[in-house]
């Protein structure tokens, strides 16, 4: 059984149960939007690990590395927050 057939069967059965397919699509969209938080957390951890490695190699550059790391993590965190906001708006 291929993926499209499984997806078609899922939506057909869901439509028979609820009578409205938009509820299921909203739930799937909210679930996908929540994964942005997971991806952002992985990216932030990777940035922090490399920043610590860079500081260990060149301790005199610790201030510059730390500032760059924090700016990068702030940008990454906004992606996770946007995903959370989208997930909340889809479920309301």
PDB file of N, CA and C in Angstrom:
ATOM      1  N   UNK A   1       0.835  -1.178   0.000  1.00  0.00           N
ATOM      2  CA  UNK A   1       0.000   0.000   0.000  1.00  0.00           C
ATOM      3  C   UNK A   1       0.884   1.247   0.000  1.00  0.00           C
ATOM      4  N   UNK A   2       0.646   2.155  -0.916  1.00  0.00           N
ATOM      5  CA  UNK A   2       1.485   3.345  -0.963  1.00  0.00           C
ATOM      6  C   UNK A   2       0.921   4.444  -0.052  1.00  0.00           C
ATOM      7  N   UNK A   3       1.718   5.478   0.126  1.00  0.00           N
ATOM      8  CA  UNK A   3       1.386   6.532   1.071  1.00  0.00           C
ATOM      9  C   UNK A   3       0.105   7.269   0.689  1.00  0.00           C
ATOM     10  N   UNK A   4      -0.087   7.551  -0.584  1.00  0.00           N
ATOM     11  CA  UNK A   4      -1.271   8.297  -1.005  1.00  0.00           C
ATOM     12  C   UNK A   4      -2.550   7.511  -0.764  1.00  0.00           C
ATOM     13  N   UNK A   5      -2.487   6.188  -0.920  1.00  0.00           N
ATOM     14  CA  UNK A   5      -3.673   5.383  -0.664  1.00  0.00           C
ATOM     15  C   UNK A   5      -4.005   5.378   0.827  1.00  0.00           C
ATOM     16  N   UNK A   6      -2.985   5.282   1.666  1.00  0.00           N
ATOM     17  CA  UNK A   6      -3.203   5.333   3.108  1.00  0.00           C
ATOM     18  C   UNK A   6      -3.788   6.677   3.504  1.00  0.00           C
ATOM     19  N   UNK A   7      -3.233   7.760   2.943  1.00  0.00           N
ATOM     20  CA  UNK A   7      -3.725   9.102   3.247  1.00  0.00           C
ATOM     21  C   UNK A   7      -5.160   9.290   2.774  1.00  0.00           C
ATOM     22  N   UNK A   8      -5.483   8.783   1.599  1.00  0.00           N
ATOM     23  CA  UNK A   8      -6.843   8.879   1.085  1.00  0.00           C
ATOM     24  C   UNK A   8      -7.817   8.111   1.973  1.00  0.00           C
ATOM     25  N   UNK A   9      -7.440   6.904   2.383  1.00  0.00           N
ATOM     26  CA  UNK A   9      -8.295   6.120   3.273  1.00  0.00           C
ATOM     27  C   UNK A   9      -8.485   6.811   4.616  1.00  0.00           C
ATOM     28  N   UNK A  10      -7.426   7.408   5.131  1.00  0.00           N
ATOM     29  CA  UNK A  10      -7.522   8.118   6.409  1.00  0.00           C
ATOM     30  C   UNK A  10      -8.523   9.259   6.322  1.00  0.00           C
ATOM     31  N   UNK A  11      -8.382  10.088   5.284  1.00  0.00           N
ATOM     32  CA  UNK A  11      -9.282  11.227   5.159  1.00  0.00           C
ATOM     33  C   UNK A  11     -10.708  10.805   4.863  1.00  0.00           C
ATOM     34  N   UNK A  12     -10.891   9.730   4.106  1.00  0.00           N
ATOM     35  CA  UNK A  12     -12.236   9.237   3.831  1.00  0.00           C
ATOM     36  C   UNK A  12     -12.911   8.755   5.107  1.00  0.00           C
ATOM     37  N   UNK A  13     -12.172   7.994   5.927  1.00  0.00           N
ATOM     38  CA  UNK A  13     -12.737   7.514   7.192  1.00  0.00           C
ATOM     39  C   UNK A  13     -12.975   8.663   8.160  1.00  0.00           C
ATOM     40  N   UNK A  14     -12.094   9.636   8.193  1.00  0.00           N
ATOM     41  CA  UNK A  14     -12.275  10.769   9.085  1.00  0.00           C
ATOM     42  C   UNK A  14     -13.482  11.588   8.678  1.00  0.00           C
ATOM     43  N   UNK A  15     -13.691  11.742   7.371  1.00  0.00           N
ATOM     44  CA  UNK A  15     -14.835  12.499   6.880  1.00  0.00           C
ATOM     45  C   UNK A  15     -16.134  11.795   7.234  1.00  0.00           C
ATOM     46  N   UNK A  16     -16.142  10.468   7.198  1.00  0.00           N
ATOM     47  CA  UNK A  16     -17.347   9.724   7.578  1.00  0.00           C
ATOM     48  C   UNK A  16     -17.656   9.873   9.063  1.00  0.00           C
ATOM     49  N   UNK A  17     -16.609   9.959   9.896  1.00  0.00           N
ATOM     50  CA  UNK A  17     -16.818  10.092  11.337  1.00  0.00           C
ATOM     51  C   UNK A  17     -17.260  11.487  11.736  1.00  0.00           C
ATOM     52  N   UNK A  18     -16.628  12.511  11.196  1.00  0.00           N
ATOM     53  CA  UNK A  18     -16.889  13.878  11.645  1.00  0.00           C
ATOM     54  C   UNK A  18     -17.793  14.658  10.716  1.00  0.00           C
ATOM     55  N   UNK A  19     -17.791  14.339   9.453  1.00  0.00           N
ATOM     56  CA  UNK A  19     -18.576  15.093   8.492  1.00  0.00           C
ATOM     57  C   UNK A  19     -17.875  16.365   8.031  1.00  0.00           C
ATOM     58  N   UNK A  20     -16.708  16.668   8.604  1.00  0.00           N
ATOM     59  CA  UNK A  20     -15.977  17.885   8.229  1.00  0.00           C
ATOM     60  C   UNK A  20     -14.490  17.563   8.180  1.00  0.00           C
ATOM     61  N   UNK A  21     -13.909  17.659   7.014  1.00  0.00           N
ATOM     62  CA  UNK A  21     -12.495  17.308   6.850  1.00  0.00           C
ATOM     63  C   UNK A  21     -11.572  18.413   7.345  1.00  0.00           C
ATOM     64  N   UNK A  22     -12.071  19.645   7.470  1.00  0.00           N
ATOM     65  CA  UNK A  22     -11.194  20.751   7.857  1.00  0.00           C
ATOM     66  C   UNK A  22     -10.668  20.584   9.275  1.00  0.00           C
ATOM     67  N   UNK A  23     -11.416  19.896  10.130  1.00  0.00           N
ATOM     68  CA  UNK A  23     -10.947  19.664  11.498  1.00  0.00           C
ATOM     69  C   UNK A  23      -9.689  18.795  11.484  1.00  0.00           C
ATOM     70  N   UNK A  24      -9.694  17.763  10.688  1.00  0.00           N
ATOM     71  CA  UNK A  24      -8.529  16.887  10.593  1.00  0.00           C
ATOM     72  C   UNK A  24      -7.336  17.575   9.969  1.00  0.00           C
ATOM     73  N   UNK A  25      -7.586  18.378   8.944  1.00  0.00           N
ATOM     74  CA  UNK A  25      -6.489  19.089   8.297  1.00  0.00           C
ATOM     75  C   UNK A  25      -5.880  20.121   9.235  1.00  0.00           C
ATOM     76  N   UNK A  26      -6.713  20.766  10.041  1.00  0.00           N
ATOM     77  CA  UNK A  26      -6.187  21.720  11.024  1.00  0.00           C
ATOM     78  C   UNK A  26      -5.315  21.001  12.053  1.00  0.00           C
ATOM     79  N   UNK A  27      -5.736  19.834  12.482  1.00  0.00           N
ATOM     80  CA  UNK A  27      -4.953  19.080  13.463  1.00  0.00           C
ATOM     81  C   UNK A  27      -3.622  18.641  12.881  1.00  0.00           C
ATOM     82  N   UNK A  28      -3.620  18.201  11.642  1.00  0.00           N
ATOM     83  CA  UNK A  28      -2.374  17.804  11.001  1.00  0.00           C
ATOM     84  C   UNK A  28      -1.459  19.012  10.822  1.00  0.00           C
ATOM     85  N   UNK A  29      -2.020  20.148  10.409  1.00  0.00           N
ATOM     86  CA  UNK A  29      -1.219  21.360  10.248  1.00  0.00           C
ATOM     87  C   UNK A  29      -0.630  21.833  11.562  1.00  0.00           C
ATOM     88  N   UNK A  30      -1.421  21.756  12.644  1.00  0.00           N
ATOM     89  CA  UNK A  30      -0.913  22.157  13.959  1.00  0.00           C
ATOM     90  C   UNK A  30       0.193  21.215  14.416  1.00  0.00           C
ATOM     91  N   UNK A  31       0.040  19.943  14.157  1.00  0.00           N
ATOM     92  CA  UNK A  31       1.082  18.985  14.516  1.00  0.00           C
ATOM     93  C   UNK A  31       2.383  19.236  13.765  1.00  0.00           C
ATOM     94  N   UNK A  32       2.266  19.559  12.484  1.00  0.00           N
ATOM     95  CA  UNK A  32       3.470  19.877  11.709  1.00  0.00           C
ATOM     96  C   UNK A  32       4.106  21.177  12.181  1.00  0.00           C
ATOM     97  N   UNK A  33       3.295  22.146  12.562  1.00  0.00           N
ATOM     98  CA  UNK A  33       3.828  23.428  13.023  1.00  0.00           C
ATOM     99  C   UNK A  33       4.581  23.268  14.337  1.00  0.00           C
ATOM    100  N   UNK A  34       4.158  22.335  15.172  1.00  0.00           N
ATOM    101  CA  UNK A  34       4.830  22.124  16.451  1.00  0.00           C
ATOM    102  C   UNK A  34       6.236  21.566  16.241  1.00  0.00           C
ATOM    103  N   UNK A  35       6.457  20.842  15.152  1.00  0.00           N
ATOM    104  CA  UNK A  35       7.786  20.285  14.889  1.00  0.00           C
ATOM    105  C   UNK A  35       8.842  21.353  14.652  1.00  0.00           C
ATOM    106  N   UNK A  36       8.420  22.594  14.343  1.00  0.00           N
ATOM    107  CA  UNK A  36       9.408  23.657  14.186  1.00  0.00           C
ATOM    108  C   UNK A  36      10.130  23.916  15.502  1.00  0.00           C
ATOM    109  N   UNK A  37       9.441  23.738  16.618  1.00  0.00           N
ATOM    110  CA  UNK A  37      10.081  23.892  17.923  1.00  0.00           C
ATOM    111  C   UNK A  37      11.148  22.839  18.145  1.00  0.00           C
ATOM    112  N   UNK A  38      10.865  21.631  17.707  1.00  0.00           N
ATOM    113  CA  UNK A  38      11.842  20.545  17.833  1.00  0.00           C
ATOM    114  C   UNK A  38      13.074  20.829  16.985  1.00  0.00           C
ATOM    115  N   UNK A  39      12.857  21.278  15.762  1.00  0.00           N
ATOM    116  CA  UNK A  39      13.974  21.592  14.877  1.00  0.00           C
ATOM    117  C   UNK A  39      14.779  22.776  15.411  1.00  0.00           C
ATOM    118  N   UNK A  40      14.087  23.766  15.956  1.00  0.00           N
ATOM    119  CA  UNK A  40      14.794  24.926  16.522  1.00  0.00           C
ATOM    120  C   UNK A  40      15.652  24.502  17.712  1.00  0.00           C
ATOM    121  N   UNK A  41      15.138  23.611  18.536  1.00  0.00           N
ATOM    122  CA  UNK A  41      15.909  23.144  19.695  1.00  0.00           C
ATOM    123  C   UNK A  41      17.155  22.382  19.257  1.00  0.00           C
ATOM    124  N   UNK A  42      17.035  21.564  18.231  1.00  0.00           N
ATOM    125  CA  UNK A  42      18.209  20.863  17.715  1.00  0.00           C
ATOM    126  C   UNK A  42      19.242  21.839  17.165  1.00  0.00           C
ATOM    127  N   UNK A  43      18.772  22.846  16.443  1.00  0.00           N
ATOM    128  CA  UNK A  43      19.687  23.835  15.895  1.00  0.00           C
ATOM    129  C   UNK A  43      20.382  24.647  16.978  1.00  0.00           C
ATOM    130  N   UNK A  44      19.631  25.031  18.005  1.00  0.00           N
ATOM    131  CA  UNK A  44      20.229  25.801  19.098  1.00  0.00           C
ATOM    132  C   UNK A  44      21.262  24.971  19.861  1.00  0.00           C
ATOM    133  N   UNK A  45      20.988  23.721  20.066  1.00  0.00           N
ATOM    134  CA  UNK A  45      21.957  22.854  20.726  1.00  0.00           C
ATOM    135  C   UNK A  45      23.225  22.693  19.915  1.00  0.00           C
ATOM    136  N   UNK A  46      23.060  22.581  18.617  1.00  0.00           N
ATOM    137  CA  UNK A  46      24.214  22.462  17.725  1.00  0.00           C
ATOM    138  C   UNK A  46      25.054  23.741  17.751  1.00  0.00           C
ATOM    139  N   UNK A  47      24.395  24.890  17.728  1.00  0.00           N
ATOM    140  CA  UNK A  47      25.107  26.171  17.786  1.00  0.00           C
ATOM    141  C   UNK A  47      25.870  26.299  19.099  1.00  0.00           C
ATOM    142  N   UNK A  48      25.224  25.955  20.205  1.00  0.00           N
ATOM    143  CA  UNK A  48      25.879  26.059  21.510  1.00  0.00           C
ATOM    144  C   UNK A  48      27.086  25.127  21.591  1.00  0.00           C
ATOM    145  N   UNK A  49      26.955  23.926  21.067  1.00  0.00           N
ATOM    146  CA  UNK A  49      28.068  22.977  21.107  1.00  0.00           C
ATOM    147  C   UNK A  49      29.261  23.494  20.314  1.00  0.00           C
ATOM    148  N   UNK A  50      28.984  24.045  19.146  1.00  0.00           N
ATOM    149  CA  UNK A  50      30.089  24.564  18.332  1.00  0.00           C
ATOM    150  C   UNK A  50      30.682  25.834  18.934  1.00  0.00           C
ATOM    151  N   UNK A  51      29.862  26.626  19.597  1.00  0.00           N
ATOM    152  CA  UNK A  51      30.389  27.824  20.247  1.00  0.00           C
ATOM    153  C   UNK A  51      31.319  27.448  21.396  1.00  0.00           C
ATOM    154  N   UNK A  52      30.945  26.463  22.176  1.00  0.00           N
ATOM    155  CA  UNK A  52      31.805  26.009  23.269  1.00  0.00           C
ATOM    156  C   UNK A  52      33.108  25.448  22.710  1.00  0.00           C
ATOM    157  N   UNK A  53      33.017  24.729  21.623  1.00  0.00           N
ATOM    158  CA  UNK A  53      34.217  24.194  20.977  1.00  0.00           C
ATOM    159  C   UNK A  53      35.121  25.329  20.486  1.00  0.00           C
ATOM    160  N   UNK A  54      34.503  26.359  19.901  1.00  0.00           N
ATOM    161  CA  UNK A  54      35.295  27.490  19.410  1.00  0.00           C
ATOM    162  C   UNK A  54      35.942  28.260  20.557  1.00  0.00           C
ATOM    163  N   UNK A  55      35.221  28.425  21.662  1.00  0.00           N
ATOM    164  CA  UNK A  55      35.791  29.120  22.822  1.00  0.00           C
ATOM    165  C   UNK A  55      36.939  28.305  23.409  1.00  0.00           C
ATOM    166  N   UNK A  56      36.819  26.994  23.400  1.00  0.00           N
ATOM    167  CA  UNK A  56      37.898  26.147  23.913  1.00  0.00           C
ATOM    168  C   UNK A  56      39.151  26.271  23.046  1.00  0.00           C
ATOM    169  N   UNK A  57      38.972  26.483  21.751  1.00  0.00           N
ATOM    170  CA  UNK A  57      40.124  26.605  20.856  1.00  0.00           C
ATOM    171  C   UNK A  57      40.783  27.985  20.938  1.00  0.00           C
ATOM    172  N   UNK A  58      39.920  29.029  21.096  1.00  0.00           N
ATOM    173  CA  UNK A  58      40.447  30.396  21.168  1.00  0.00           C
ATOM    174  C   UNK A  58      39.762  31.141  22.308  1.00  0.00           C
ATOM    175  N   UNK A  59      40.244  30.990  23.520  1.00  0.00           N
ATOM    176  CA  UNK A  59      39.593  31.623  24.674  1.00  0.00           C
ATOM    177  C   UNK A  59      39.569  33.146  24.602  1.00  0.00           C
ATOM    178  N   UNK A  60      40.513  33.755  23.904  1.00  0.00           N
ATOM    179  CA  UNK A  60      40.545  35.216  23.833  1.00  0.00           C
ATOM    180  C   UNK A  60      39.385  35.783  23.003  1.00  0.00           C
ATOM    181  N   UNK A  61      38.753  34.971  22.191  1.00  0.00           N
ATOM    182  CA  UNK A  61      37.616  35.405  21.372  1.00  0.00           C
ATOM    183  C   UNK A  61      36.278  35.038  22.002  1.00  0.00           C
ATOM    184  N   UNK A  62      36.260  34.675  23.263  1.00  0.00           N
ATOM    185  CA  UNK A  62      35.047  34.189  23.926  1.00  0.00           C
ATOM    186  C   UNK A  62      33.908  35.198  23.856  1.00  0.00           C
ATOM    187  N   UNK A  63      34.209  36.486  24.071  1.00  0.00           N
ATOM    188  CA  UNK A  63      33.160  37.507  24.044  1.00  0.00           C
ATOM    189  C   UNK A  63      32.468  37.601  22.694  1.00  0.00           C
ATOM    190  N   UNK A  64      33.257  37.647  21.625  1.00  0.00           N
ATOM    191  CA  UNK A  64      32.685  37.740  20.280  1.00  0.00           C
ATOM    192  C   UNK A  64      31.909  36.477  19.912  1.00  0.00           C
ATOM    193  N   UNK A  65      32.442  35.332  20.272  1.00  0.00           N
ATOM    194  CA  UNK A  65      31.770  34.061  19.957  1.00  0.00           C
ATOM    195  C   UNK A  65      30.447  33.973  20.713  1.00  0.00           C
ATOM    196  N   UNK A  66      30.447  34.376  21.979  1.00  0.00           N
ATOM    197  CA  UNK A  66      29.234  34.312  22.793  1.00  0.00           C
ATOM    198  C   UNK A  66      28.141  35.228  22.239  1.00  0.00           C
ATOM    199  N   UNK A  67      28.516  36.435  21.835  1.00  0.00           N
ATOM    200  CA  UNK A  67      27.532  37.368  21.282  1.00  0.00           C
ATOM    201  C   UNK A  67      26.943  36.822  19.985  1.00  0.00           C
ATOM    202  N   UNK A  68      27.790  36.313  19.120  1.00  0.00           N
ATOM    203  CA  UNK A  68      27.316  35.740  17.857  1.00  0.00           C
ATOM    204  C   UNK A  68      26.413  34.538  18.107  1.00  0.00           C
ATOM    205  N   UNK A  69      26.776  33.714  19.094  1.00  0.00           N
ATOM    206  CA  UNK A  69      25.956  32.545  19.423  1.00  0.00           C
ATOM    207  C   UNK A  69      24.579  32.978  19.912  1.00  0.00           C
ATOM    208  N   UNK A  70      24.516  33.964  20.779  1.00  0.00           N
ATOM    209  CA  UNK A  70      23.232  34.406  21.325  1.00  0.00           C
ATOM    210  C   UNK A  70      22.336  35.023  20.251  1.00  0.00           C
ATOM    211  N   UNK A  71      22.920  35.770  19.331  1.00  0.00           N
ATOM    212  CA  UNK A  71      22.127  36.331  18.239  1.00  0.00           C
ATOM    213  C   UNK A  71      21.578  35.211  17.355  1.00  0.00           C
ATOM    214  N   UNK A  72      22.404  34.234  17.049  1.00  0.00           N
ATOM    215  CA  UNK A  72      21.946  33.093  16.247  1.00  0.00           C
ATOM    216  C   UNK A  72      20.858  32.293  16.933  1.00  0.00           C
ATOM    217  N   UNK A  73      20.988  32.114  18.234  1.00  0.00           N
ATOM    218  CA  UNK A  73      19.968  31.368  18.955  1.00  0.00           C
ATOM    219  C   UNK A  73      18.671  32.156  19.055  1.00  0.00           C
ATOM    220  N   UNK A  74      18.753  33.464  19.166  1.00  0.00           N
ATOM    221  CA  UNK A  74      17.538  34.276  19.208  1.00  0.00           C
ATOM    222  C   UNK A  74      16.776  34.179  17.894  1.00  0.00           C
ATOM    223  N   UNK A  75      17.502  34.218  16.789  1.00  0.00           N
ATOM    224  CA  UNK A  75      16.859  34.079  15.477  1.00  0.00           C
ATOM    225  C   UNK A  75      16.240  32.691  15.335  1.00  0.00           C
ATOM    226  N   UNK A  76      16.945  31.681  15.784  1.00  0.00           N
ATOM    227  CA  UNK A  76      16.431  30.315  15.713  1.00  0.00           C
ATOM    228  C   UNK A  76      15.200  30.135  16.595  1.00  0.00           C
ATOM    229  N   UNK A  77      15.194  30.761  17.748  1.00  0.00           N
ATOM    230  CA  UNK A  77      14.070  30.617  18.668  1.00  0.00           C
ATOM    231  C   UNK A  77      12.809  31.269  18.114  1.00  0.00           C
ATOM    232  N   UNK A  78      12.964  32.350  17.352  1.00  0.00           N
ATOM    233  CA  UNK A  78      11.772  32.974  16.770  1.00  0.00           C
ATOM    234  C   UNK A  78      11.079  32.020  15.800  1.00  0.00           C
ATOM    235  N   UNK A  79      11.847  31.181  15.120  1.00  0.00           N
ATOM    236  CA  UNK A  79      11.232  30.187  14.234  1.00  0.00           C
ATOM    237  C   UNK A  79      10.352  29.229  15.018  1.00  0.00           C
ATOM    238  N   UNK A  80      10.849  28.761  16.165  1.00  0.00           N
ATOM    239  CA  UNK A  80      10.052  27.880  17.014  1.00  0.00           C
ATOM    240  C   UNK A  80       8.822  28.573  17.563  1.00  0.00           C
ATOM    241  N   UNK A  81       8.956  29.833  17.925  1.00  0.00           N
ATOM    242  CA  UNK A  81       7.803  30.578  18.443  1.00  0.00           C
ATOM    243  C   UNK A  81       6.749  30.810  17.367  1.00  0.00           C
ATOM    244  N   UNK A  82       7.193  31.098  16.141  1.00  0.00           N
ATOM    245  CA  UNK A  82       6.232  31.249  15.049  1.00  0.00           C
ATOM    246  C   UNK A  82       5.461  29.952  14.824  1.00  0.00           C
ATOM    247  N   UNK A  83       6.148  28.832  14.890  1.00  0.00           N
ATOM    248  CA  UNK A  83       5.465  27.544  14.749  1.00  0.00           C
ATOM    249  C   UNK A  83       4.460  27.303  15.850  1.00  0.00           C
ATOM    250  N   UNK A  84       4.815  27.670  17.084  1.00  0.00           N
ATOM    251  CA  UNK A  84       3.885  27.518  18.201  1.00  0.00           C
ATOM    252  C   UNK A  84       2.661  28.404  18.018  1.00  0.00           C
ATOM    253  N   UNK A  85       2.861  29.638  17.589  1.00  0.00           N
ATOM    254  CA  UNK A  85       1.747  30.557  17.376  1.00  0.00           C
ATOM    255  C   UNK A  85       0.833  30.029  16.275  1.00  0.00           C
ATOM    256  N   UNK A  86       1.403  29.529  15.192  1.00  0.00           N
ATOM    257  CA  UNK A  86       0.598  28.967  14.110  1.00  0.00           C
ATOM    258  C   UNK A  86      -0.209  27.767  14.589  1.00  0.00           C
ATOM    259  N   UNK A  87       0.425  26.899  15.391  1.00  0.00           N
ATOM    260  CA  UNK A  87      -0.276  25.723  15.921  1.00  0.00           C
ATOM    261  C   UNK A  87      -1.443  26.148  16.806  1.00  0.00           C
ATOM    262  N   UNK A  88      -1.240  27.160  17.644  1.00  0.00           N
ATOM    263  CA  UNK A  88      -2.319  27.626  18.517  1.00  0.00           C
ATOM    264  C   UNK A  88      -3.431  28.235  17.683  1.00  0.00           C
ATOM    265  N   UNK A  89      -3.090  29.042  16.681  1.00  0.00           N
ATOM    266  CA  UNK A  89      -4.119  29.667  15.859  1.00  0.00           C
ATOM    267  C   UNK A  89      -4.906  28.646  15.040  1.00  0.00           C
ATOM    268  N   UNK A  90      -4.258  27.571  14.624  1.00  0.00           N
ATOM    269  CA  UNK A  90      -4.970  26.543  13.863  1.00  0.00           C
ATOM    270  C   UNK A  90      -5.959  25.757  14.718  1.00  0.00           C
ATOM    271  N   UNK A  91      -5.651  25.613  15.990  1.00  0.00           N
ATOM    272  CA  UNK A  91      -6.538  24.805  16.829  1.00  0.00           C
ATOM    273  C   UNK A  91      -7.676  25.608  17.433  1.00  0.00           C
ATOM    274  N   UNK A  92      -7.602  26.919  17.352  1.00  0.00           N
ATOM    275  CA  UNK A  92      -8.677  27.765  17.927  1.00  0.00           C
ATOM    276  C   UNK A  92      -9.812  27.858  16.975  1.00  0.00           C
TER     277      UNK A  92
END
